[in-house]
Amino acid sequence: MKESMYKRYEDLPLFLNAATVAKVLGVSPSSGYELMHEPDFPVLKIGSRMVAPKKRFIRWVEEHTGGGK
């Protein structure tokens, strides 16, 4: 598993693209892209571009790791 270059949520940009999602989660870029197409993943579509708002991404991570219970 790759180690994330981001150590704190505060370091994240306001909106995350697929490459940033992959870096944060320590997965391959293709896995980050696939994740952004999952129905429950928080994505904002702007034309053909997809980004994840930082706050909704953090909430999604917490809910999927047991931290949002």
PDB file of N, CA and C in Angstrom:
ATOM      1  N   MET A   1       0.834  -1.176   0.000  1.00  0.00           N
ATOM      2  CA  MET A   1       0.000   0.000   0.000  1.00  0.00           C
ATOM      3  C   MET A   1       0.882   1.243   0.000  1.00  0.00           C
ATOM      4  N   LYS A   2       0.477   2.227  -0.773  1.00  0.00           N
ATOM      5  CA  LYS A   2       1.224   3.479  -0.839  1.00  0.00           C
ATOM      6  C   LYS A   2       0.911   4.321   0.384  1.00  0.00           C
ATOM      7  N   GLU A   3       1.886   5.083   0.839  1.00  0.00           N
ATOM      8  CA  GLU A   3       1.658   5.980   1.966  1.00  0.00           C
ATOM      9  C   GLU A   3       1.165   7.320   1.439  1.00  0.00           C
ATOM     10  N   SER A   4       0.160   7.853   2.081  1.00  0.00           N
ATOM     11  CA  SER A   4      -0.407   9.132   1.654  1.00  0.00           C
ATOM     12  C   SER A   4       0.557  10.268   1.935  1.00  0.00           C
ATOM     13  N   MET A   5       0.619  11.227   1.015  1.00  0.00           N
ATOM     14  CA  MET A   5       1.443  12.412   1.241  1.00  0.00           C
ATOM     15  C   MET A   5       0.732  13.399   2.160  1.00  0.00           C
ATOM     16  N   TYR A   6      -0.573  13.194   2.358  1.00  0.00           N
ATOM     17  CA  TYR A   6      -1.355  14.058   3.235  1.00  0.00           C
ATOM     18  C   TYR A   6      -1.395  13.447   4.623  1.00  0.00           C
ATOM     19  N   LYS A   7      -1.012  14.210   5.611  1.00  0.00           N
ATOM     20  CA  LYS A   7      -0.955  13.707   6.980  1.00  0.00           C
ATOM     21  C   LYS A   7      -2.125  14.192   7.835  1.00  0.00           C
ATOM     22  N   ARG A   8      -2.762  15.293   7.386  1.00  0.00           N
ATOM     23  CA  ARG A   8      -3.888  15.854   8.141  1.00  0.00           C
ATOM     24  C   ARG A   8      -4.976  16.277   7.159  1.00  0.00           C
ATOM     25  N   TYR A   9      -6.211  16.217   7.611  1.00  0.00           N
ATOM     26  CA  TYR A   9      -7.315  16.663   6.771  1.00  0.00           C
ATOM     27  C   TYR A   9      -7.155  18.133   6.384  1.00  0.00           C
ATOM     28  N   GLU A  10      -6.560  18.918   7.257  1.00  0.00           N
ATOM     29  CA  GLU A  10      -6.390  20.353   6.994  1.00  0.00           C
ATOM     30  C   GLU A  10      -5.507  20.610   5.776  1.00  0.00           C
ATOM     31  N   ASP A  11      -4.651  19.646   5.440  1.00  0.00           N
ATOM     32  CA  ASP A  11      -3.733  19.799   4.310  1.00  0.00           C
ATOM     33  C   ASP A  11      -4.406  19.572   2.958  1.00  0.00           C
ATOM     34  N   LEU A  12      -5.607  19.021   2.970  1.00  0.00           N
ATOM     35  CA  LEU A  12      -6.290  18.702   1.720  1.00  0.00           C
ATOM     36  C   LEU A  12      -6.794  19.963   1.028  1.00  0.00           C
ATOM     37  N   PRO A  13      -6.858  19.920  -0.307  1.00  0.00           N
ATOM     38  CA  PRO A  13      -7.456  21.038  -1.024  1.00  0.00           C
ATOM     39  C   PRO A  13      -8.966  21.055  -0.804  1.00  0.00           C
ATOM     40  N   LEU A  14      -9.607  22.157  -1.130  1.00  0.00           N
ATOM     41  CA  LEU A  14     -11.052  22.306  -0.938  1.00  0.00           C
ATOM     42  C   LEU A  14     -11.839  21.275  -1.740  1.00  0.00           C
ATOM     43  N   PHE A  15     -11.370  20.964  -2.957  1.00  0.00           N
ATOM     44  CA  PHE A  15     -11.983  19.953  -3.806  1.00  0.00           C
ATOM     45  C   PHE A  15     -10.917  18.964  -4.232  1.00  0.00           C
ATOM     46  N   LEU A  16     -11.265  17.668  -4.227  1.00  0.00           N
ATOM     47  CA  LEU A  16     -10.306  16.621  -4.557  1.00  0.00           C
ATOM     48  C   LEU A  16     -10.677  15.978  -5.885  1.00  0.00           C
ATOM     49  N   ASN A  17      -9.709  15.865  -6.785  1.00  0.00           N
ATOM     50  CA  ASN A  17      -9.951  15.134  -8.026  1.00  0.00           C
ATOM     51  C   ASN A  17      -9.594  13.663  -7.783  1.00  0.00           C
ATOM     52  N   ALA A  18      -9.747  12.839  -8.805  1.00  0.00           N
ATOM     53  CA  ALA A  18      -9.503  11.400  -8.642  1.00  0.00           C
ATOM     54  C   ALA A  18      -8.066  11.102  -8.228  1.00  0.00           C
ATOM     55  N   ALA A  19      -7.126  11.850  -8.777  1.00  0.00           N
ATOM     56  CA  ALA A  19      -5.716  11.621  -8.428  1.00  0.00           C
ATOM     57  C   ALA A  19      -5.454  11.948  -6.962  1.00  0.00           C
ATOM     58  N   THR A  20      -6.062  13.010  -6.468  1.00  0.00           N
ATOM     59  CA  THR A  20      -5.875  13.390  -5.062  1.00  0.00           C
ATOM     60  C   THR A  20      -6.560  12.389  -4.141  1.00  0.00           C
ATOM     61  N   VAL A  21      -7.759  11.945  -4.508  1.00  0.00           N
ATOM     62  CA  VAL A  21      -8.455  10.922  -3.719  1.00  0.00           C
ATOM     63  C   VAL A  21      -7.563   9.690  -3.603  1.00  0.00           C
ATOM     64  N   ALA A  22      -6.959   9.285  -4.713  1.00  0.00           N
ATOM     65  CA  ALA A  22      -6.083   8.115  -4.703  1.00  0.00           C
ATOM     66  C   ALA A  22      -4.880   8.335  -3.788  1.00  0.00           C
ATOM     67  N   LYS A  23      -4.274   9.516  -3.861  1.00  0.00           N
ATOM     68  CA  LYS A  23      -3.112   9.806  -3.009  1.00  0.00           C
ATOM     69  C   LYS A  23      -3.483   9.776  -1.534  1.00  0.00           C
ATOM     70  N   VAL A  24      -4.624  10.371  -1.195  1.00  0.00           N
ATOM     71  CA  VAL A  24      -5.062  10.427   0.202  1.00  0.00           C
ATOM     72  C   VAL A  24      -5.300   9.015   0.749  1.00  0.00           C
ATOM     73  N   LEU A  25      -5.924   8.171  -0.065  1.00  0.00           N
ATOM     74  CA  LEU A  25      -6.260   6.824   0.384  1.00  0.00           C
ATOM     75  C   LEU A  25      -5.124   5.823   0.193  1.00  0.00           C
ATOM     76  N   GLY A  26      -4.074   6.233  -0.521  1.00  0.00           N
ATOM     77  CA  GLY A  26      -2.947   5.344  -0.734  1.00  0.00           C
ATOM     78  C   GLY A  26      -3.246   4.220  -1.702  1.00  0.00           C
ATOM     79  N   VAL A  27      -4.074   4.525  -2.723  1.00  0.00           N
ATOM     80  CA  VAL A  27      -4.418   3.524  -3.730  1.00  0.00           C
ATOM     81  C   VAL A  27      -3.963   4.008  -5.099  1.00  0.00           C
ATOM     82  N   SER A  28      -4.115   3.179  -6.093  1.00  0.00           N
ATOM     83  CA  SER A  28      -3.701   3.542  -7.450  1.00  0.00           C
ATOM     84  C   SER A  28      -4.622   4.619  -8.019  1.00  0.00           C
ATOM     85  N   PRO A  29      -4.134   5.398  -8.976  1.00  0.00           N
ATOM     86  CA  PRO A  29      -4.988   6.410  -9.612  1.00  0.00           C
ATOM     87  C   PRO A  29      -6.249   5.810 -10.234  1.00  0.00           C
ATOM     88  N   SER A  30      -6.145   4.622 -10.812  1.00  0.00           N
ATOM     89  CA  SER A  30      -7.338   4.004 -11.407  1.00  0.00           C
ATOM     90  C   SER A  30      -8.356   3.627 -10.333  1.00  0.00           C
ATOM     91  N   SER A  31      -7.884   3.231  -9.156  1.00  0.00           N
ATOM     92  CA  SER A  31      -8.806   2.928  -8.054  1.00  0.00           C
ATOM     93  C   SER A  31      -9.501   4.190  -7.553  1.00  0.00           C
ATOM     94  N   GLY A  32      -8.779   5.294  -7.511  1.00  0.00           N
ATOM     95  CA  GLY A  32      -9.384   6.572  -7.132  1.00  0.00           C
ATOM     96  C   GLY A  32     -10.458   6.984  -8.116  1.00  0.00           C
ATOM     97  N   TYR A  33     -10.189   6.795  -9.399  1.00  0.00           N
ATOM     98  CA  TYR A  33     -11.150   7.118 -10.450  1.00  0.00           C
ATOM     99  C   TYR A  33     -12.389   6.235 -10.325  1.00  0.00           C
ATOM    100  N   GLU A  34     -12.186   4.939 -10.125  1.00  0.00           N
ATOM    101  CA  GLU A  34     -13.312   4.008  -9.975  1.00  0.00           C
ATOM    102  C   GLU A  34     -14.150   4.360  -8.754  1.00  0.00           C
ATOM    103  N   LEU A  35     -13.508   4.707  -7.665  1.00  0.00           N
ATOM    104  CA  LEU A  35     -14.215   5.062  -6.442  1.00  0.00           C
ATOM    105  C   LEU A  35     -15.131   6.254  -6.666  1.00  0.00           C
ATOM    106  N   MET A  36     -14.676   7.216  -7.437  1.00  0.00           N
ATOM    107  CA  MET A  36     -15.484   8.413  -7.680  1.00  0.00           C
ATOM    108  C   MET A  36     -16.734   8.114  -8.514  1.00  0.00           C
ATOM    109  N   HIS A  37     -16.798   6.923  -9.099  1.00  0.00           N
ATOM    110  CA  HIS A  37     -17.978   6.522  -9.851  1.00  0.00           C
ATOM    111  C   HIS A  37     -18.932   5.643  -9.036  1.00  0.00           C
ATOM    112  N   GLU A  38     -18.570   5.370  -7.795  1.00  0.00           N
ATOM    113  CA  GLU A  38     -19.456   4.596  -6.924  1.00  0.00           C
ATOM    114  C   GLU A  38     -20.672   5.450  -6.552  1.00  0.00           C
ATOM    115  N   PRO A  39     -21.860   4.842  -6.480  1.00  0.00           N
ATOM    116  CA  PRO A  39     -23.081   5.613  -6.224  1.00  0.00           C
ATOM    117  C   PRO A  39     -23.095   6.407  -4.910  1.00  0.00           C
ATOM    118  N   ASP A  40     -22.455   5.890  -3.861  1.00  0.00           N
ATOM    119  CA  ASP A  40     -22.521   6.588  -2.572  1.00  0.00           C
ATOM    120  C   ASP A  40     -21.342   7.534  -2.324  1.00  0.00           C
ATOM    121  N   PHE A  41     -20.432   7.656  -3.302  1.00  0.00           N
ATOM    122  CA  PHE A  41     -19.284   8.532  -3.112  1.00  0.00           C
ATOM    123  C   PHE A  41     -19.690   9.981  -3.378  1.00  0.00           C
ATOM    124  N   PRO A  42     -19.276  10.919  -2.513  1.00  0.00           N
ATOM    125  CA  PRO A  42     -19.706  12.316  -2.645  1.00  0.00           C
ATOM    126  C   PRO A  42     -18.983  13.065  -3.767  1.00  0.00           C
ATOM    127  N   VAL A  43     -19.653  13.185  -4.889  1.00  0.00           N
ATOM    128  CA  VAL A  43     -19.035  13.802  -6.059  1.00  0.00           C
ATOM    129  C   VAL A  43     -19.857  14.995  -6.538  1.00  0.00           C
ATOM    130  N   LEU A  44     -19.149  16.020  -6.933  1.00  0.00           N
ATOM    131  CA  LEU A  44     -19.744  17.183  -7.571  1.00  0.00           C
ATOM    132  C   LEU A  44     -19.316  17.130  -9.030  1.00  0.00           C
ATOM    133  N   LYS A  45     -20.302  17.091  -9.939  1.00  0.00           N
ATOM    134  CA  LYS A  45     -19.981  17.040 -11.367  1.00  0.00           C
ATOM    135  C   LYS A  45     -20.075  18.441 -11.944  1.00  0.00           C
ATOM    136  N   ILE A  46     -19.011  18.838 -12.616  1.00  0.00           N
ATOM    137  CA  ILE A  46     -18.951  20.130 -13.282  1.00  0.00           C
ATOM    138  C   ILE A  46     -18.639  19.817 -14.741  1.00  0.00           C
ATOM    139  N   GLY A  47     -19.669  19.792 -15.565  1.00  0.00           N
ATOM    140  CA  GLY A  47     -19.481  19.328 -16.941  1.00  0.00           C
ATOM    141  C   GLY A  47     -19.092  17.865 -16.902  1.00  0.00           C
ATOM    142  N   SER A  48     -17.976  17.536 -17.502  1.00  0.00           N
ATOM    143  CA  SER A  48     -17.506  16.149 -17.470  1.00  0.00           C
ATOM    144  C   SER A  48     -16.504  15.913 -16.340  1.00  0.00           C
ATOM    145  N   ARG A  49     -16.182  16.969 -15.610  1.00  0.00           N
ATOM    146  CA  ARG A  49     -15.207  16.848 -14.520  1.00  0.00           C
ATOM    147  C   ARG A  49     -15.902  16.448 -13.221  1.00  0.00           C
ATOM    148  N   MET A  50     -15.234  15.615 -12.445  1.00  0.00           N
ATOM    149  CA  MET A  50     -15.772  15.165 -11.160  1.00  0.00           C
ATOM    150  C   MET A  50     -14.776  15.520 -10.062  1.00  0.00           C
ATOM    151  N   VAL A  51     -15.293  16.139  -8.996  1.00  0.00           N
ATOM    152  CA  VAL A  51     -14.468  16.455  -7.836  1.00  0.00           C
ATOM    153  C   VAL A  51     -15.249  16.094  -6.577  1.00  0.00           C
ATOM    154  N   ALA A  52     -14.526  15.837  -5.516  1.00  0.00           N
ATOM    155  CA  ALA A  52     -15.148  15.530  -4.222  1.00  0.00           C
ATOM    156  C   ALA A  52     -14.913  16.710  -3.290  1.00  0.00           C
ATOM    157  N   PRO A  53     -15.988  17.317  -2.791  1.00  0.00           N
ATOM    158  CA  PRO A  53     -15.800  18.385  -1.810  1.00  0.00           C
ATOM    159  C   PRO A  53     -15.113  17.834  -0.558  1.00  0.00           C
ATOM    160  N   LYS A  54     -14.148  18.551  -0.058  1.00  0.00           N
ATOM    161  CA  LYS A  54     -13.319  18.117   1.066  1.00  0.00           C
ATOM    162  C   LYS A  54     -14.152  17.654   2.261  1.00  0.00           C
ATOM    163  N   LYS A  55     -15.103  18.455   2.708  1.00  0.00           N
ATOM    164  CA  LYS A  55     -15.880  18.102   3.908  1.00  0.00           C
ATOM    165  C   LYS A  55     -16.703  16.830   3.701  1.00  0.00           C
ATOM    166  N   ARG A  56     -17.283  16.685   2.516  1.00  0.00           N
ATOM    167  CA  ARG A  56     -18.086  15.486   2.246  1.00  0.00           C
ATOM    168  C   ARG A  56     -17.192  14.255   2.099  1.00  0.00           C
ATOM    169  N   PHE A  57     -15.991  14.437   1.548  1.00  0.00           N
ATOM    170  CA  PHE A  57     -15.043  13.334   1.441  1.00  0.00           C
ATOM    171  C   PHE A  57     -14.629  12.855   2.829  1.00  0.00           C
ATOM    172  N   ILE A  58     -14.320  13.780   3.715  1.00  0.00           N
ATOM    173  CA  ILE A  58     -13.927  13.431   5.084  1.00  0.00           C
ATOM    174  C   ILE A  58     -15.063  12.674   5.772  1.00  0.00           C
ATOM    175  N   ARG A  59     -16.284  13.149   5.615  1.00  0.00           N
ATOM    176  CA  ARG A  59     -17.443  12.482   6.212  1.00  0.00           C
ATOM    177  C   ARG A  59     -17.584  11.068   5.650  1.00  0.00           C
ATOM    178  N   TRP A  60     -17.397  10.915   4.339  1.00  0.00           N
ATOM    179  CA  TRP A  60     -17.495   9.599   3.695  1.00  0.00           C
ATOM    180  C   TRP A  60     -16.446   8.645   4.267  1.00  0.00           C
ATOM    181  N   VAL A  61     -15.216   9.126   4.412  1.00  0.00           N
ATOM    182  CA  VAL A  61     -14.135   8.294   4.973  1.00  0.00           C
ATOM    183  C   VAL A  61     -14.503   7.860   6.390  1.00  0.00           C
ATOM    184  N   GLU A  62     -14.972   8.800   7.197  1.00  0.00           N
ATOM    185  CA  GLU A  62     -15.321   8.475   8.589  1.00  0.00           C
ATOM    186  C   GLU A  62     -16.462   7.466   8.652  1.00  0.00           C
ATOM    187  N   GLU A  63     -17.448   7.622   7.793  1.00  0.00           N
ATOM    188  CA  GLU A  63     -18.576   6.678   7.780  1.00  0.00           C
ATOM    189  C   GLU A  63     -18.151   5.280   7.331  1.00  0.00           C
ATOM    190  N   HIS A  64     -17.176   5.208   6.445  1.00  0.00           N
ATOM    191  CA  HIS A  64     -16.744   3.916   5.921  1.00  0.00           C
ATOM    192  C   HIS A  64     -15.606   3.283   6.720  1.00  0.00           C
ATOM    193  N   THR A  65     -15.152   3.956   7.747  1.00  0.00           N
ATOM    194  CA  THR A  65     -14.118   3.378   8.609  1.00  0.00           C
ATOM    195  C   THR A  65     -14.612   3.229  10.039  1.00  0.00           C
ATOM    196  N   GLY A  66     -15.889   3.456  10.249  1.00  0.00           N
ATOM    197  CA  GLY A  66     -16.468   3.307  11.579  1.00  0.00           C
ATOM    198  C   GLY A  66     -16.355   4.560  12.439  1.00  0.00           C
ATOM    199  N   GLY A  67     -15.748   5.613  11.918  1.00  0.00           N
ATOM    200  CA  GLY A  67     -15.586   6.841  12.696  1.00  0.00           C
ATOM    201  C   GLY A  67     -16.806   7.727  12.723  1.00  0.00           C
ATOM    202  N   GLY A  68     -17.784   7.465  11.850  1.00  0.00           N
ATOM    203  CA  GLY A  68     -18.960   8.324  11.782  1.00  0.00           C
ATOM    204  C   GLY A  68     -20.165   7.758  12.499  1.00  0.00           C
ATOM    205  N   LYS A  69     -19.964   6.737  13.326  1.00  0.00           N
ATOM    206  CA  LYS A  69     -21.085   6.094  14.036  1.00  0.00           C
ATOM    207  C   LYS A  69     -21.526   6.907  15.227  1.00  0.00           C
TER     208      LYS A  69
END
